[in-house]
Amino acid sequence: MVAPRPSGAGLVERRVLIAREQVAFLRYVLEGHDGVALMHGDGSGAVSLFAPESQRATLDALIADLEAEGLIVHMR
């Protein structure tokens, strides 16, 4: 069973592609950044990251860093 996707006013969503073997590392990175975002995936490698609007800049910077390291691909 797949958990429902978070939704609601004040949430921003970013979609990224990640290799299956890197999903646990991404979760670790998010937790290390004080839980800046929730992660939701369906097992396909496409992952949605949800954060409060107040954390938009932090999440975008984190995504840019992870993309620069080759860990993820930001789906624009």
N, C-alpha and C. Protein backbone atom coordinates (compact mmCIF):
# COMPACT_ATOMS: atom_id res chain seq x y z
N MET A 1 0.84 -1.18 0.00
CA MET A 1 0.00 0.00 0.00
C MET A 1 0.89 1.25 0.00
N VAL A 2 0.59 2.18 -0.86
CA VAL A 2 1.32 3.43 -0.96
C VAL A 2 0.61 4.48 -0.13
N ALA A 3 1.37 5.21 0.67
CA ALA A 3 0.80 6.28 1.49
C ALA A 3 0.28 7.40 0.59
N PRO A 4 -0.76 8.10 1.03
CA PRO A 4 -1.26 9.20 0.23
C PRO A 4 -0.24 10.34 0.14
N ARG A 5 -0.27 11.04 -0.97
CA ARG A 5 0.62 12.18 -1.16
C ARG A 5 0.19 13.32 -0.26
N PRO A 6 1.14 14.00 0.38
CA PRO A 6 0.78 15.18 1.18
C PRO A 6 0.18 16.24 0.26
N SER A 7 -0.71 17.01 0.78
CA SER A 7 -1.28 18.10 -0.01
C SER A 7 -1.79 19.17 0.94
N GLY A 8 -2.02 20.32 0.40
CA GLY A 8 -2.59 21.39 1.20
C GLY A 8 -1.94 22.73 0.89
N ALA A 9 -2.63 23.75 1.32
CA ALA A 9 -2.13 25.11 1.12
C ALA A 9 -0.84 25.27 1.91
N GLY A 10 0.09 25.99 1.32
CA GLY A 10 1.33 26.28 2.01
C GLY A 10 2.42 25.25 1.81
N LEU A 11 2.16 24.21 0.99
CA LEU A 11 3.18 23.21 0.69
C LEU A 11 3.73 23.44 -0.71
N VAL A 12 5.03 23.28 -0.87
CA VAL A 12 5.64 23.30 -2.19
C VAL A 12 6.09 21.88 -2.52
N GLU A 13 6.04 21.55 -3.78
CA GLU A 13 6.44 20.21 -4.24
C GLU A 13 7.54 20.34 -5.27
N ARG A 14 8.56 19.50 -5.12
CA ARG A 14 9.62 19.40 -6.10
C ARG A 14 9.74 17.93 -6.49
N ARG A 15 9.82 17.66 -7.79
CA ARG A 15 9.96 16.28 -8.30
C ARG A 15 11.40 16.07 -8.72
N VAL A 16 11.95 14.93 -8.30
CA VAL A 16 13.32 14.58 -8.66
C VAL A 16 13.36 13.12 -9.08
N LEU A 17 14.37 12.80 -9.86
CA LEU A 17 14.66 11.41 -10.22
C LEU A 17 15.88 10.97 -9.44
N ILE A 18 15.84 9.75 -8.92
CA ILE A 18 16.94 9.23 -8.12
C ILE A 18 17.05 7.73 -8.34
N ALA A 19 18.26 7.23 -8.32
CA ALA A 19 18.46 5.78 -8.44
C ALA A 19 17.93 5.11 -7.17
N ARG A 20 17.33 3.95 -7.34
CA ARG A 20 16.73 3.23 -6.20
C ARG A 20 17.70 3.06 -5.04
N GLU A 21 18.95 2.77 -5.37
CA GLU A 21 19.92 2.52 -4.31
C GLU A 21 20.33 3.79 -3.55
N GLN A 22 19.90 4.94 -4.02
CA GLN A 22 20.22 6.20 -3.36
C GLN A 22 19.06 6.78 -2.54
N VAL A 23 17.91 6.13 -2.58
CA VAL A 23 16.73 6.66 -1.88
C VAL A 23 16.98 6.78 -0.38
N ALA A 24 17.57 5.76 0.23
CA ALA A 24 17.83 5.81 1.68
C ALA A 24 18.78 6.96 2.01
N PHE A 25 19.78 7.18 1.14
CA PHE A 25 20.70 8.29 1.38
C PHE A 25 19.97 9.63 1.31
N LEU A 26 19.07 9.78 0.34
CA LEU A 26 18.30 11.02 0.23
C LEU A 26 17.47 11.24 1.49
N ARG A 27 16.85 10.19 2.00
CA ARG A 27 16.08 10.30 3.23
C ARG A 27 16.99 10.76 4.38
N TYR A 28 18.18 10.19 4.45
CA TYR A 28 19.16 10.55 5.48
C TYR A 28 19.54 12.04 5.36
N VAL A 29 19.77 12.50 4.14
CA VAL A 29 20.12 13.90 3.92
C VAL A 29 18.98 14.82 4.37
N LEU A 30 17.75 14.47 4.03
CA LEU A 30 16.61 15.29 4.43
C LEU A 30 16.48 15.35 5.95
N GLU A 31 16.65 14.20 6.60
CA GLU A 31 16.59 14.17 8.06
C GLU A 31 17.72 14.99 8.67
N GLY A 32 18.89 14.96 8.05
CA GLY A 32 20.03 15.72 8.54
C GLY A 32 19.84 17.23 8.40
N HIS A 33 18.91 17.63 7.57
CA HIS A 33 18.58 19.05 7.41
C HIS A 33 17.30 19.37 8.18
N ASP A 34 17.19 18.80 9.36
CA ASP A 34 16.04 19.03 10.25
C ASP A 34 14.70 18.73 9.59
N GLY A 35 14.68 17.70 8.77
CA GLY A 35 13.42 17.29 8.15
C GLY A 35 12.84 18.36 7.26
N VAL A 36 13.69 19.02 6.48
CA VAL A 36 13.25 20.13 5.63
C VAL A 36 12.10 19.75 4.71
N ALA A 37 12.01 18.46 4.35
CA ALA A 37 10.96 18.04 3.42
C ALA A 37 10.53 16.61 3.71
N LEU A 38 9.31 16.31 3.30
CA LEU A 38 8.80 14.94 3.31
C LEU A 38 9.06 14.36 1.93
N MET A 39 9.31 13.07 1.89
CA MET A 39 9.61 12.41 0.63
C MET A 39 8.49 11.42 0.32
N HIS A 40 8.04 11.42 -0.92
CA HIS A 40 7.00 10.48 -1.36
C HIS A 40 7.42 9.90 -2.70
N GLY A 41 7.50 8.58 -2.77
CA GLY A 41 7.87 7.93 -4.02
C GLY A 41 6.99 6.73 -4.29
N ASP A 42 6.96 6.32 -5.54
CA ASP A 42 6.12 5.18 -5.91
C ASP A 42 6.96 3.99 -6.36
N GLY A 43 8.27 4.07 -6.15
CA GLY A 43 9.15 2.97 -6.53
C GLY A 43 9.69 3.07 -7.95
N SER A 44 9.29 4.09 -8.68
CA SER A 44 9.72 4.24 -10.08
C SER A 44 11.03 5.00 -10.22
N GLY A 45 11.49 5.60 -9.14
CA GLY A 45 12.67 6.46 -9.20
C GLY A 45 12.29 7.92 -9.20
N ALA A 46 11.03 8.23 -9.47
CA ALA A 46 10.55 9.61 -9.37
C ALA A 46 10.08 9.83 -7.94
N VAL A 47 10.62 10.86 -7.31
CA VAL A 47 10.30 11.15 -5.92
C VAL A 47 9.80 12.57 -5.83
N SER A 48 8.75 12.77 -5.04
CA SER A 48 8.26 14.11 -4.76
C SER A 48 8.76 14.52 -3.38
N LEU A 49 9.25 15.74 -3.30
CA LEU A 49 9.67 16.30 -2.03
C LEU A 49 8.70 17.43 -1.69
N PHE A 50 8.14 17.37 -0.49
CA PHE A 50 7.16 18.36 -0.04
C PHE A 50 7.72 19.12 1.15
N ALA A 51 7.62 20.43 1.09
CA ALA A 51 8.12 21.27 2.18
C ALA A 51 7.15 22.43 2.39
N PRO A 52 7.15 22.98 3.60
CA PRO A 52 6.35 24.18 3.82
C PRO A 52 6.91 25.33 2.99
N GLU A 53 6.05 26.23 2.62
CA GLU A 53 6.45 27.40 1.83
C GLU A 53 7.64 28.11 2.47
N SER A 54 7.69 28.15 3.78
CA SER A 54 8.78 28.84 4.49
C SER A 54 10.13 28.17 4.27
N GLN A 55 10.14 26.93 3.79
CA GLN A 55 11.38 26.19 3.55
C GLN A 55 11.72 26.06 2.06
N ARG A 56 10.99 26.78 1.22
CA ARG A 56 11.18 26.69 -0.24
C ARG A 56 12.64 26.94 -0.64
N ALA A 57 13.23 28.02 -0.17
CA ALA A 57 14.59 28.37 -0.56
C ALA A 57 15.58 27.32 -0.08
N THR A 58 15.39 26.82 1.13
CA THR A 58 16.28 25.79 1.68
C THR A 58 16.19 24.52 0.84
N LEU A 59 14.97 24.10 0.51
CA LEU A 59 14.78 22.90 -0.30
C LEU A 59 15.38 23.07 -1.68
N ASP A 60 15.15 24.21 -2.31
CA ASP A 60 15.69 24.45 -3.65
C ASP A 60 17.22 24.43 -3.64
N ALA A 61 17.83 25.00 -2.61
CA ALA A 61 19.29 25.00 -2.49
C ALA A 61 19.81 23.58 -2.29
N LEU A 62 19.12 22.80 -1.48
CA LEU A 62 19.52 21.42 -1.23
C LEU A 62 19.42 20.59 -2.52
N ILE A 63 18.34 20.78 -3.26
CA ILE A 63 18.16 20.08 -4.53
C ILE A 63 19.28 20.46 -5.50
N ALA A 64 19.61 21.74 -5.57
CA ALA A 64 20.68 22.19 -6.46
C ALA A 64 22.01 21.54 -6.09
N ASP A 65 22.30 21.45 -4.79
CA ASP A 65 23.54 20.81 -4.34
C ASP A 65 23.56 19.33 -4.70
N LEU A 66 22.45 18.63 -4.46
CA LEU A 66 22.38 17.20 -4.76
C LEU A 66 22.45 16.94 -6.27
N GLU A 67 21.88 17.85 -7.04
CA GLU A 67 21.94 17.71 -8.49
C GLU A 67 23.37 17.95 -8.99
N ALA A 68 24.06 18.93 -8.39
CA ALA A 68 25.45 19.20 -8.78
C ALA A 68 26.35 18.01 -8.46
N GLU A 69 26.03 17.26 -7.41
CA GLU A 69 26.80 16.07 -7.04
C GLU A 69 26.41 14.85 -7.86
N GLY A 70 25.38 14.97 -8.68
CA GLY A 70 24.95 13.87 -9.53
C GLY A 70 24.07 12.85 -8.83
N LEU A 71 23.57 13.16 -7.64
CA LEU A 71 22.73 12.22 -6.90
C LEU A 71 21.31 12.19 -7.45
N ILE A 72 20.81 13.35 -7.87
CA ILE A 72 19.43 13.44 -8.36
C ILE A 72 19.38 14.24 -9.65
N VAL A 73 18.24 14.16 -10.32
CA VAL A 73 17.93 15.02 -11.46
C VAL A 73 16.64 15.73 -11.12
N HIS A 74 16.68 17.06 -11.10
CA HIS A 74 15.49 17.85 -10.79
C HIS A 74 14.58 17.86 -12.02
N MET A 75 13.35 17.44 -11.83
CA MET A 75 12.37 17.40 -12.92
C MET A 75 11.64 18.73 -12.94
N ARG A 76 11.99 19.58 -13.88
CA ARG A 76 11.38 20.92 -13.93
C ARG A 76 10.11 20.90 -14.71
